[in-house]
PDB file of all heavy atoms in Angstrom:
ATOM      1  N   ASN A   1      63.047  38.459  -0.920  1.00  0.00           N
ATOM      2  CA  ASN A   1      63.676  37.408  -0.132  1.00  0.00           C
ATOM      3  C   ASN A   1      64.449  38.039   1.041  1.00  0.00           C
ATOM      4  O   ASN A   1      64.834  39.202   1.071  1.00  0.00           O
ATOM      5  CB  ASN A   1      64.607  36.593  -0.964  1.00  0.00           C
ATOM      6  CG  ASN A   1      65.790  37.232  -1.547  1.00  0.00           C
ATOM      7  OD1 ASN A   1      66.562  37.810  -0.983  1.00  0.00           O
ATOM      8  ND2 ASN A   1      65.906  37.083  -2.992  1.00  0.00           N
ATOM      9  N   CYS A   2      64.480  37.195   1.970  1.00  0.00           N
ATOM     10  CA  CYS A   2      65.228  37.502   3.256  1.00  0.00           C
ATOM     11  C   CYS A   2      66.452  36.618   3.509  1.00  0.00           C
ATOM     12  O   CYS A   2      66.827  36.239   4.555  1.00  0.00           O
ATOM     13  CB  CYS A   2      64.303  37.292   4.456  1.00  0.00           C
ATOM     14  SG  CYS A   2      62.846  38.320   4.524  1.00  0.00           S
ATOM     15  N   VAL A   3      67.114  36.135   2.435  1.00  0.00           N
ATOM     16  CA  VAL A   3      68.281  35.371   2.398  1.00  0.00           C
ATOM     17  C   VAL A   3      69.405  36.324   3.167  1.00  0.00           C
ATOM     18  O   VAL A   3      69.344  37.527   3.198  1.00  0.00           O
ATOM     19  CB  VAL A   3      68.780  34.883   1.139  1.00  0.00           C
ATOM     20  CG1 VAL A   3      67.745  33.922   0.590  1.00  0.00           C
ATOM     21  CG2 VAL A   3      69.039  35.983   0.112  1.00  0.00           C
ATOM     22  N   SER A   4      70.522  35.648   3.568  1.00  0.00           N
ATOM     23  CA  SER A   4      71.558  36.394   4.254  1.00  0.00           C
ATOM     24  C   SER A   4      71.928  37.702   3.545  1.00  0.00           C
ATOM     25  O   SER A   4      72.101  37.742   2.339  1.00  0.00           O
ATOM     26  CB  SER A   4      72.784  35.499   4.383  1.00  0.00           C
ATOM     27  OG  SER A   4      72.460  34.453   5.344  1.00  0.00           O
ATOM     28  N   ALA A   5      71.903  38.742   4.263  1.00  0.00           N
ATOM     29  CA  ALA A   5      72.053  40.122   3.722  1.00  0.00           C
ATOM     30  C   ALA A   5      73.157  40.252   2.831  1.00  0.00           C
ATOM     31  O   ALA A   5      73.361  41.011   1.877  1.00  0.00           O
ATOM     32  CB  ALA A   5      72.140  41.103   4.852  1.00  0.00           C
ATOM     33  N   CYS A   6      74.380  39.527   3.052  1.00  0.00           N
ATOM     34  CA  CYS A   6      75.606  39.779   2.510  1.00  0.00           C
ATOM     35  C   CYS A   6      75.462  39.405   0.929  1.00  0.00           C
ATOM     36  O   CYS A   6      76.246  39.974   0.144  1.00  0.00           O
ATOM     37  CB  CYS A   6      76.785  39.063   3.180  1.00  0.00           C
ATOM     38  SG  CYS A   6      76.458  37.170   3.126  1.00  0.00           S
ATOM     39  N   ASP A   7      74.685  38.335   0.681  1.00  0.00           N
ATOM     40  CA  ASP A   7      74.754  37.899  -0.702  1.00  0.00           C
ATOM     41  C   ASP A   7      73.377  37.868  -1.414  1.00  0.00           C
ATOM     42  O   ASP A   7      73.179  37.222  -2.386  1.00  0.00           O
ATOM     43  CB  ASP A   7      75.418  36.554  -0.832  1.00  0.00           C
ATOM     44  CG  ASP A   7      74.836  35.412   0.030  1.00  0.00           C
ATOM     45  OD1 ASP A   7      73.727  35.686   0.566  1.00  0.00           O
ATOM     46  OD2 ASP A   7      75.419  34.405   0.165  1.00  0.00           O
ATOM     47  N   LYS A   8      72.356  38.561  -0.800  1.00  0.00           N
ATOM     48  CA  LYS A   8      71.092  38.604  -1.461  1.00  0.00           C
ATOM     49  C   LYS A   8      71.187  39.759  -2.533  1.00  0.00           C
ATOM     50  O   LYS A   8      72.091  40.709  -2.351  1.00  0.00           O
ATOM     51  CB  LYS A   8      69.956  38.936  -0.527  1.00  0.00           C
ATOM     52  CG  LYS A   8      69.993  40.455  -0.009  1.00  0.00           C
ATOM     53  CD  LYS A   8      68.697  40.639   0.903  1.00  0.00           C
ATOM     54  CE  LYS A   8      67.477  40.876  -0.043  1.00  0.00           C
ATOM     55  NZ  LYS A   8      66.245  41.263   0.648  1.00  0.00           N
ATOM     56  N   ASN A   9      70.490  39.628  -3.574  1.00  0.00           N
ATOM     57  CA  ASN A   9      70.497  40.761  -4.512  1.00  0.00           C
ATOM     58  C   ASN A   9      69.264  41.630  -4.332  1.00  0.00           C
ATOM     59  O   ASN A   9      68.107  41.265  -4.554  1.00  0.00           O
ATOM     60  CB  ASN A   9      70.394  40.143  -5.977  1.00  0.00           C
ATOM     61  CG  ASN A   9      71.620  39.441  -6.360  1.00  0.00           C
ATOM     62  OD1 ASN A   9      72.699  39.898  -6.010  1.00  0.00           O
ATOM     63  ND2 ASN A   9      71.448  38.283  -7.145  1.00  0.00           N
ATOM     64  N   PRO A  10      69.332  42.717  -3.515  1.00  0.00           N
ATOM     65  CA  PRO A  10      68.222  43.610  -3.467  1.00  0.00           C
ATOM     66  C   PRO A  10      67.806  44.108  -4.920  1.00  0.00           C
ATOM     67  O   PRO A  10      68.462  43.942  -5.867  1.00  0.00           O
ATOM     68  CB  PRO A  10      68.866  44.841  -2.681  1.00  0.00           C
ATOM     69  CG  PRO A  10      70.100  44.390  -1.987  1.00  0.00           C
ATOM     70  CD  PRO A  10      70.597  43.275  -3.018  1.00  0.00           C
ATOM     71  N   SER A  11      66.516  44.648  -4.920  1.00  0.00           N
ATOM     72  CA  SER A  11      66.060  45.012  -6.240  1.00  0.00           C
ATOM     73  C   SER A  11      66.902  46.076  -6.892  1.00  0.00           C
ATOM     74  O   SER A  11      66.992  46.052  -8.122  1.00  0.00           O
ATOM     75  CB  SER A  11      64.595  45.668  -6.020  1.00  0.00           C
ATOM     76  OG  SER A  11      63.672  44.725  -5.500  1.00  0.00           O
ATOM     77  N   TYR A  12      67.569  46.959  -6.095  1.00  0.00           N
ATOM     78  CA  TYR A  12      68.512  47.814  -6.735  1.00  0.00           C
ATOM     79  C   TYR A  12      69.569  47.253  -7.486  1.00  0.00           C
ATOM     80  O   TYR A  12      70.154  47.739  -8.573  1.00  0.00           O
ATOM     81  CB  TYR A  12      69.144  48.729  -5.595  1.00  0.00           C
ATOM     82  CG  TYR A  12      69.986  49.922  -5.904  1.00  0.00           C
ATOM     83  CD1 TYR A  12      69.638  51.135  -5.631  1.00  0.00           C
ATOM     84  CD2 TYR A  12      71.270  49.742  -6.335  1.00  0.00           C
ATOM     85  CE1 TYR A  12      70.422  52.223  -6.024  1.00  0.00           C
ATOM     86  CE2 TYR A  12      72.159  50.705  -6.747  1.00  0.00           C
ATOM     87  CZ  TYR A  12      71.624  52.098  -6.495  1.00  0.00           C
ATOM     88  OH  TYR A  12      72.425  53.157  -6.772  1.00  0.00           O
ATOM     89  N   VAL A  13      70.116  46.028  -6.954  1.00  0.00           N
ATOM     90  CA  VAL A  13      71.182  45.335  -7.620  1.00  0.00           C
ATOM     91  C   VAL A  13      70.689  44.732  -8.977  1.00  0.00           C
ATOM     92  O   VAL A  13      71.396  44.780  -9.929  1.00  0.00           O
ATOM     93  CB  VAL A  13      71.921  44.333  -6.652  1.00  0.00           C
ATOM     94  CG1 VAL A  13      72.778  43.376  -7.463  1.00  0.00           C
ATOM     95  CG2 VAL A  13      72.569  44.947  -5.472  1.00  0.00           C
ATOM     96  N   HIS A  14      69.450  44.190  -9.006  1.00  0.00           N
ATOM     97  CA  HIS A  14      69.008  43.662 -10.250  1.00  0.00           C
ATOM     98  C   HIS A  14      68.909  44.729 -11.233  1.00  0.00           C
ATOM     99  O   HIS A  14      69.232  44.582 -12.409  1.00  0.00           O
ATOM    100  CB  HIS A  14      67.633  42.997  -9.897  1.00  0.00           C
ATOM    101  CG  HIS A  14      67.592  41.824  -9.096  1.00  0.00           C
ATOM    102  ND1 HIS A  14      68.184  40.603  -9.630  1.00  0.00           N
ATOM    103  CD2 HIS A  14      67.090  41.413  -7.896  1.00  0.00           C
ATOM    104  CE1 HIS A  14      68.018  39.672  -8.732  1.00  0.00           C
ATOM    105  NE2 HIS A  14      67.398  40.147  -7.766  1.00  0.00           N
ATOM    106  N   MET A  15      68.424  46.022 -10.785  1.00  0.00           N
ATOM    107  CA  MET A  15      68.238  47.063 -11.727  1.00  0.00           C
ATOM    108  C   MET A  15      69.598  47.676 -12.190  1.00  0.00           C
ATOM    109  O   MET A  15      69.641  48.374 -13.336  1.00  0.00           O
ATOM    110  CB  MET A  15      67.366  48.232 -11.019  1.00  0.00           C
ATOM    111  CG  MET A  15      65.980  47.809 -10.679  1.00  0.00           C
ATOM    112  SD  MET A  15      65.175  48.781  -9.557  1.00  0.00           S
ATOM    113  CE  MET A  15      64.628  50.030 -10.724  1.00  0.00           C
ATOM    114  N   ASN A  16      70.687  47.453 -11.547  1.00  0.00           N
ATOM    115  CA  ASN A  16      72.063  47.956 -11.852  1.00  0.00           C
ATOM    116  C   ASN A  16      72.900  46.623 -12.075  1.00  0.00           C
ATOM    117  O   ASN A  16      74.135  46.720 -11.739  1.00  0.00           O
ATOM    118  CB  ASN A  16      72.538  48.802 -10.699  1.00  0.00           C
ATOM    119  CG  ASN A  16      71.882  50.125 -10.684  1.00  0.00           C
ATOM    120  OD1 ASN A  16      72.222  51.045 -11.393  1.00  0.00           O
ATOM    121  ND2 ASN A  16      70.837  50.246  -9.861  1.00  0.00           N
ATOM    122  N   GLN A  17      72.382  45.615 -12.482  1.00  0.00           N
ATOM    123  CA  GLN A  17      73.098  44.296 -12.538  1.00  0.00           C
ATOM    124  C   GLN A  17      74.474  44.361 -13.167  1.00  0.00           C
ATOM    125  O   GLN A  17      74.656  44.647 -14.279  1.00  0.00           O
ATOM    126  CB  GLN A  17      72.278  43.306 -13.490  1.00  0.00           C
ATOM    127  CG  GLN A  17      72.015  41.952 -12.869  1.00  0.00           C
ATOM    128  CD  GLN A  17      73.336  41.104 -12.846  1.00  0.00           C
ATOM    129  OE1 GLN A  17      74.350  41.499 -13.436  1.00  0.00           O
ATOM    130  NE2 GLN A  17      73.201  39.965 -12.292  1.00  0.00           N
ATOM    131  N   PRO A  18      75.461  44.255 -12.327  1.00  0.00           N
ATOM    132  CA  PRO A  18      76.915  44.572 -12.737  1.00  0.00           C
ATOM    133  C   PRO A  18      77.502  43.501 -13.702  1.00  0.00           C
ATOM    134  O   PRO A  18      78.175  44.028 -14.618  1.00  0.00           O
ATOM    135  CB  PRO A  18      77.744  44.510 -11.453  1.00  0.00           C
ATOM    136  CG  PRO A  18      76.880  43.706 -10.414  1.00  0.00           C
ATOM    137  CD  PRO A  18      75.425  43.946 -10.840  1.00  0.00           C
ATOM    138  N   VAL A  19      77.095  42.284 -13.613  1.00  0.00           N
ATOM    139  CA  VAL A  19      77.563  41.313 -14.617  1.00  0.00           C
ATOM    140  C   VAL A  19      76.993  41.696 -16.052  1.00  0.00           C
ATOM    141  O   VAL A  19      77.793  41.679 -17.052  1.00  0.00           O
ATOM    142  CB  VAL A  19      77.124  39.840 -14.360  1.00  0.00           C
ATOM    143  CG1 VAL A  19      77.592  38.820 -15.427  1.00  0.00           C
ATOM    144  CG2 VAL A  19      77.632  39.543 -12.872  1.00  0.00           C
ATOM    145  N   ILE A  20      75.776  41.946 -16.119  1.00  0.00           N
ATOM    146  CA  ILE A  20      75.189  42.503 -17.368  1.00  0.00           C
ATOM    147  C   ILE A  20      75.743  43.659 -17.912  1.00  0.00           C
ATOM    148  O   ILE A  20      76.201  43.803 -19.022  1.00  0.00           O
ATOM    149  CB  ILE A  20      73.591  42.604 -17.287  1.00  0.00           C
ATOM    150  CG1 ILE A  20      72.979  41.314 -17.069  1.00  0.00           C
ATOM    151  CG2 ILE A  20      73.016  43.225 -18.545  1.00  0.00           C
ATOM    152  CD1 ILE A  20      71.479  41.399 -16.785  1.00  0.00           C
ATOM    153  N   THR A  21      75.998  44.624 -17.065  1.00  0.00           N
ATOM    154  CA  THR A  21      76.675  45.925 -17.423  1.00  0.00           C
ATOM    155  C   THR A  21      78.024  45.675 -17.976  1.00  0.00           C
ATOM    156  O   THR A  21      78.432  46.240 -18.996  1.00  0.00           O
ATOM    157  CB  THR A  21      76.602  46.843 -16.213  1.00  0.00           C
ATOM    158  OG1 THR A  21      75.330  47.109 -15.713  1.00  0.00           O
ATOM    159  CG2 THR A  21      77.248  48.166 -16.502  1.00  0.00           C
ATOM    160  N   ASP A  22      78.818  44.947 -17.251  1.00  0.00           N
ATOM    161  CA  ASP A  22      80.114  44.590 -17.665  1.00  0.00           C
ATOM    162  C   ASP A  22      80.253  43.838 -19.106  1.00  0.00           C
ATOM    163  O   ASP A  22      81.108  44.106 -19.830  1.00  0.00           O
ATOM    164  CB  ASP A  22      80.961  43.840 -16.587  1.00  0.00           C
ATOM    165  CG  ASP A  22      81.393  44.763 -15.456  1.00  0.00           C
ATOM    166  OD1 ASP A  22      81.192  45.955 -15.484  1.00  0.00           O
ATOM    167  OD2 ASP A  22      82.156  44.197 -14.474  1.00  0.00           O
ATOM    168  N   LEU A  23      79.217  42.881 -19.190  1.00  0.00           N
ATOM    169  CA  LEU A  23      79.205  42.241 -20.456  1.00  0.00           C
ATOM    170  C   LEU A  23      78.903  43.019 -21.636  1.00  0.00           C
ATOM    171  O   LEU A  23      79.499  42.913 -22.641  1.00  0.00           O
ATOM    172  CB  LEU A  23      78.107  41.052 -20.345  1.00  0.00           C
ATOM    173  CG  LEU A  23      78.568  39.796 -19.584  1.00  0.00           C
ATOM    174  CD1 LEU A  23      77.417  38.823 -19.266  1.00  0.00           C
ATOM    175  CD2 LEU A  23      79.670  38.962 -20.253  1.00  0.00           C
ATOM    176  N   TYR A  24      78.010  43.970 -21.412  1.00  0.00           N
ATOM    177  CA  TYR A  24      77.699  45.012 -22.466  1.00  0.00           C
ATOM    178  C   TYR A  24      78.978  45.903 -22.694  1.00  0.00           C
ATOM    179  O   TYR A  24      79.207  46.228 -23.890  1.00  0.00           O
ATOM    180  CB  TYR A  24      76.580  45.915 -22.001  1.00  0.00           C
ATOM    181  CG  TYR A  24      75.217  45.482 -22.410  1.00  0.00           C
ATOM    182  CD1 TYR A  24      74.144  45.310 -21.567  1.00  0.00           C
ATOM    183  CD2 TYR A  24      74.939  45.193 -23.867  1.00  0.00           C
ATOM    184  CE1 TYR A  24      72.901  44.882 -21.843  1.00  0.00           C
ATOM    185  CE2 TYR A  24      73.699  44.838 -24.177  1.00  0.00           C
ATOM    186  CZ  TYR A  24      72.644  44.705 -23.227  1.00  0.00           C
ATOM    187  OH  TYR A  24      71.394  44.232 -23.661  1.00  0.00           O
ATOM    188  N   GLU A  25      79.766  46.207 -21.725  1.00  0.00           N
ATOM    189  CA  GLU A  25      80.947  47.031 -21.955  1.00  0.00           C
ATOM    190  C   GLU A  25      81.974  46.354 -22.833  1.00  0.00           C
ATOM    191  O   GLU A  25      82.661  47.057 -23.624  1.00  0.00           O
ATOM    192  CB  GLU A  25      81.592  47.374 -20.592  1.00  0.00           C
ATOM    193  CG  GLU A  25      80.865  48.399 -19.725  1.00  0.00           C
ATOM    194  CD  GLU A  25      80.791  49.690 -20.247  1.00  0.00           C
ATOM    195  OE1 GLU A  25      81.774  50.095 -20.873  1.00  0.00           O
ATOM    196  OE2 GLU A  25      79.755  50.404 -20.213  1.00  0.00           O
ATOM    197  N   ARG A  26      81.957  45.041 -22.732  1.00  0.00           N
ATOM    198  CA  ARG A  26      83.013  44.301 -23.574  1.00  0.00           C
ATOM    199  C   ARG A  26      82.442  43.717 -24.836  1.00  0.00           C
ATOM    200  O   ARG A  26      83.064  43.006 -25.725  1.00  0.00           O
ATOM    201  CB  ARG A  26      83.602  43.249 -22.650  1.00  0.00           C
ATOM    202  CG  ARG A  26      84.436  43.700 -21.513  1.00  0.00           C
ATOM    203  CD  ARG A  26      85.046  42.688 -20.658  1.00  0.00           C
ATOM    204  NE  ARG A  26      85.945  41.775 -21.246  1.00  0.00           N
ATOM    205  CZ  ARG A  26      86.454  40.729 -20.812  1.00  0.00           C
ATOM    206  NH1 ARG A  26      86.150  40.431 -19.500  1.00  0.00           N
ATOM    207  NH2 ARG A  26      87.331  39.903 -21.498  1.00  0.00           N
ATOM    208  N   HIS A  27      80.992  43.798 -24.920  1.00  0.00           N
ATOM    209  CA  HIS A  27      80.403  43.415 -26.162  1.00  0.00           C
ATOM    210  C   HIS A  27      80.825  44.021 -27.421  1.00  0.00           C
ATOM    211  O   HIS A  27      80.974  45.218 -27.411  1.00  0.00           O
ATOM    212  CB  HIS A  27      78.851  43.556 -25.924  1.00  0.00           C
ATOM    213  CG  HIS A  27      77.995  43.129 -27.093  1.00  0.00           C
ATOM    214  ND1 HIS A  27      77.846  41.984 -27.677  1.00  0.00           N
ATOM    215  CD2 HIS A  27      77.164  44.061 -28.018  1.00  0.00           C
ATOM    216  CE1 HIS A  27      77.077  41.950 -28.652  1.00  0.00           C
ATOM    217  NE2 HIS A  27      76.645  43.215 -28.903  1.00  0.00           N
ATOM    218  N   GLY A  28      81.136  43.111 -28.375  1.00  0.00           N
ATOM    219  CA  GLY A  28      81.579  43.675 -29.690  1.00  0.00           C
ATOM    220  C   GLY A  28      83.175  43.984 -29.740  1.00  0.00           C
ATOM    221  O   GLY A  28      83.687  44.283 -30.731  1.00  0.00           O
ATOM    222  N   LYS A  29      83.804  43.795 -28.496  1.00  0.00           N
ATOM    223  CA  LYS A  29      85.256  43.929 -28.402  1.00  0.00           C
ATOM    224  C   LYS A  29      85.877  42.620 -28.151  1.00  0.00           C
ATOM    225  O   LYS A  29      86.750  42.100 -28.822  1.00  0.00           O
ATOM    226  CB  LYS A  29      85.559  44.992 -27.272  1.00  0.00           C
ATOM    227  CG  LYS A  29      84.849  46.359 -27.339  1.00  0.00           C
ATOM    228  CD  LYS A  29      85.052  47.128 -26.216  1.00  0.00           C
ATOM    229  CE  LYS A  29      84.315  48.445 -26.381  1.00  0.00           C
ATOM    230  NZ  LYS A  29      84.337  49.288 -24.977  1.00  0.00           N
ATOM    231  N   ASP A  30      85.439  42.016 -26.983  1.00  0.00           N
ATOM    232  CA  ASP A  30      86.066  40.736 -26.620  1.00  0.00           C
ATOM    233  C   ASP A  30      85.302  39.524 -26.953  1.00  0.00           C
ATOM    234  O   ASP A  30      85.735  38.444 -27.075  1.00  0.00           O
ATOM    235  CB  ASP A  30      86.424  40.683 -25.135  1.00  0.00           C
ATOM    236  CG  ASP A  30      87.290  41.908 -24.771  1.00  0.00           C
ATOM    237  OD1 ASP A  30      88.291  42.021 -25.322  1.00  0.00           O
ATOM    238  OD2 ASP A  30      86.996  42.568 -23.830  1.00  0.00           O
ATOM    239  N   PHE A  31      83.875  39.709 -26.966  1.00  0.00           N
ATOM    240  CA  PHE A  31      82.916  38.661 -27.252  1.00  0.00           C
ATOM    241  C   PHE A  31      81.688  39.208 -27.775  1.00  0.00           C
ATOM    242  O   PHE A  31      81.473  40.447 -27.744  1.00  0.00           O
ATOM    243  CB  PHE A  31      82.786  37.820 -26.039  1.00  0.00           C
ATOM    244  CG  PHE A  31      82.680  38.546 -24.766  1.00  0.00           C
ATOM    245  CD1 PHE A  31      81.485  39.351 -24.523  1.00  0.00           C
ATOM    246  CD2 PHE A  31      83.655  38.535 -23.802  1.00  0.00           C
ATOM    247  CE1 PHE A  31      81.286  40.025 -23.381  1.00  0.00           C
ATOM    248  CE2 PHE A  31      83.350  39.308 -22.568  1.00  0.00           C
ATOM    249  CZ  PHE A  31      82.213  39.968 -22.454  1.00  0.00           C
ATOM    250  N   ASN A  32      80.723  38.326 -28.124  1.00  0.00           N
ATOM    251  CA  ASN A  32      79.524  38.581 -28.642  1.00  0.00           C
ATOM    252  C   ASN A  32      78.460  38.286 -27.511  1.00  0.00           C
ATOM    253  O   ASN A  32      78.172  37.035 -27.145  1.00  0.00           O
ATOM    254  CB  ASN A  32      79.160  37.816 -29.948  1.00  0.00           C
ATOM    255  CG  ASN A  32      77.882  38.369 -30.540  1.00  0.00           C
ATOM    256  OD1 ASN A  32      77.057  39.097 -29.984  1.00  0.00           O
ATOM    257  ND2 ASN A  32      77.735  37.933 -31.785  1.00  0.00           N
ATOM    258  N   PHE A  33      77.889  39.090 -26.779  1.00  0.00           N
ATOM    259  CA  PHE A  33      77.084  38.879 -25.619  1.00  0.00           C
ATOM    260  C   PHE A  33      75.651  38.666 -26.170  1.00  0.00           C
ATOM    261  O   PHE A  33      75.048  39.570 -26.651  1.00  0.00           O
ATOM    262  CB  PHE A  33      76.999  40.054 -24.619  1.00  0.00           C
ATOM    263  CG  PHE A  33      76.098  39.989 -23.617  1.00  0.00           C
ATOM    264  CD1 PHE A  33      75.791  38.705 -22.896  1.00  0.00           C
ATOM    265  CD2 PHE A  33      75.532  41.085 -23.009  1.00  0.00           C
ATOM    266  CE1 PHE A  33      74.926  38.701 -21.787  1.00  0.00           C
ATOM    267  CE2 PHE A  33      74.710  40.999 -21.877  1.00  0.00           C
ATOM    268  CZ  PHE A  33      74.443  39.815 -21.303  1.00  0.00           C
ATOM    269  N   LEU A  34      75.080  37.373 -26.102  1.00  0.00           N
ATOM    270  CA  LEU A  34      73.870  37.025 -26.759  1.00  0.00           C
ATOM    271  C   LEU A  34      72.622  37.337 -25.845  1.00  0.00           C
ATOM    272  O   LEU A  34      71.592  37.543 -26.250  1.00  0.00           O
ATOM    273  CB  LEU A  34      73.948  35.481 -27.041  1.00  0.00           C
ATOM    274  CG  LEU A  34      74.917  34.995 -27.977  1.00  0.00           C
ATOM    275  CD1 LEU A  34      74.709  33.519 -28.234  1.00  0.00           C
ATOM    276  CD2 LEU A  34      74.927  35.743 -29.307  1.00  0.00           C
ATOM    277  N   GLY A  35      72.742  37.381 -24.498  1.00  0.00           N
ATOM    278  CA  GLY A  35      71.811  37.684 -23.629  1.00  0.00           C
ATOM    279  C   GLY A  35      71.813  36.723 -22.310  1.00  0.00           C
ATOM    280  O   GLY A  35      72.719  36.186 -22.103  1.00  0.00           O
ATOM    281  N   CYS A  36      70.576  36.653 -21.633  1.00  0.00           N
ATOM    282  CA  CYS A  36      70.539  36.069 -20.363  1.00  0.00           C
ATOM    283  C   CYS A  36      69.544  34.924 -20.325  1.00  0.00           C
ATOM    284  O   CYS A  36      68.546  34.914 -20.916  1.00  0.00           O
ATOM    285  CB  CYS A  36      70.145  37.091 -19.278  1.00  0.00           C
ATOM    286  SG  CYS A  36      71.062  38.566 -19.088  1.00  0.00           S
ATOM    287  N   ILE A  37      69.880  33.960 -19.622  1.00  0.00           N
ATOM    288  CA  ILE A  37      69.077  32.847 -19.211  1.00  0.00           C
ATOM    289  C   ILE A  37      68.753  32.888 -17.789  1.00  0.00           C
ATOM    290  O   ILE A  37      69.650  32.882 -17.001  1.00  0.00           O
ATOM    291  CB  ILE A  37      69.611  31.387 -19.569  1.00  0.00           C
ATOM    292  CG1 ILE A  37      69.762  31.270 -21.092  1.00  0.00           C
ATOM    293  CG2 ILE A  37      68.698  30.336 -19.044  1.00  0.00           C
ATOM    294  CD1 ILE A  37      70.466  30.027 -21.503  1.00  0.00           C
ATOM    295  N   ILE A  38      67.513  33.152 -17.391  1.00  0.00           N
ATOM    296  CA  ILE A  38      67.320  33.167 -15.927  1.00  0.00           C
ATOM    297  C   ILE A  38      66.713  31.702 -15.481  1.00  0.00           C
ATOM    298  O   ILE A  38      66.077  31.075 -16.180  1.00  0.00           O
ATOM    299  CB  ILE A  38      66.193  34.208 -15.569  1.00  0.00           C
ATOM    300  CG1 ILE A  38      64.871  34.082 -16.395  1.00  0.00           C
ATOM    301  CG2 ILE A  38      66.728  35.577 -15.800  1.00  0.00           C
ATOM    302  CD1 ILE A  38      63.771  34.928 -16.096  1.00  0.00           C
ATOM    303  N   THR A  39      67.255  31.425 -14.359  1.00  0.00           N
ATOM    304  CA  THR A  39      66.925  30.015 -13.798  1.00  0.00           C
ATOM    305  C   THR A  39      66.664  30.200 -12.262  1.00  0.00           C
ATOM    306  O   THR A  39      67.037  31.153 -11.659  1.00  0.00           O
ATOM    307  CB  THR A  39      67.886  28.898 -14.083  1.00  0.00           C
ATOM    308  OG1 THR A  39      67.409  27.626 -13.685  1.00  0.00           O
ATOM    309  CG2 THR A  39      69.320  29.310 -13.516  1.00  0.00           C
TER     310      THR A  39
END
């Protein structure tokens, strides 16, 4: 996509998805991370 550069997710960001990464870091400690729903 060519959406505004400030808030597009380049492929690099998807591959390093920070929300997923952070959820894994707290998984089993603060909550049970079940997975993702893409929409």
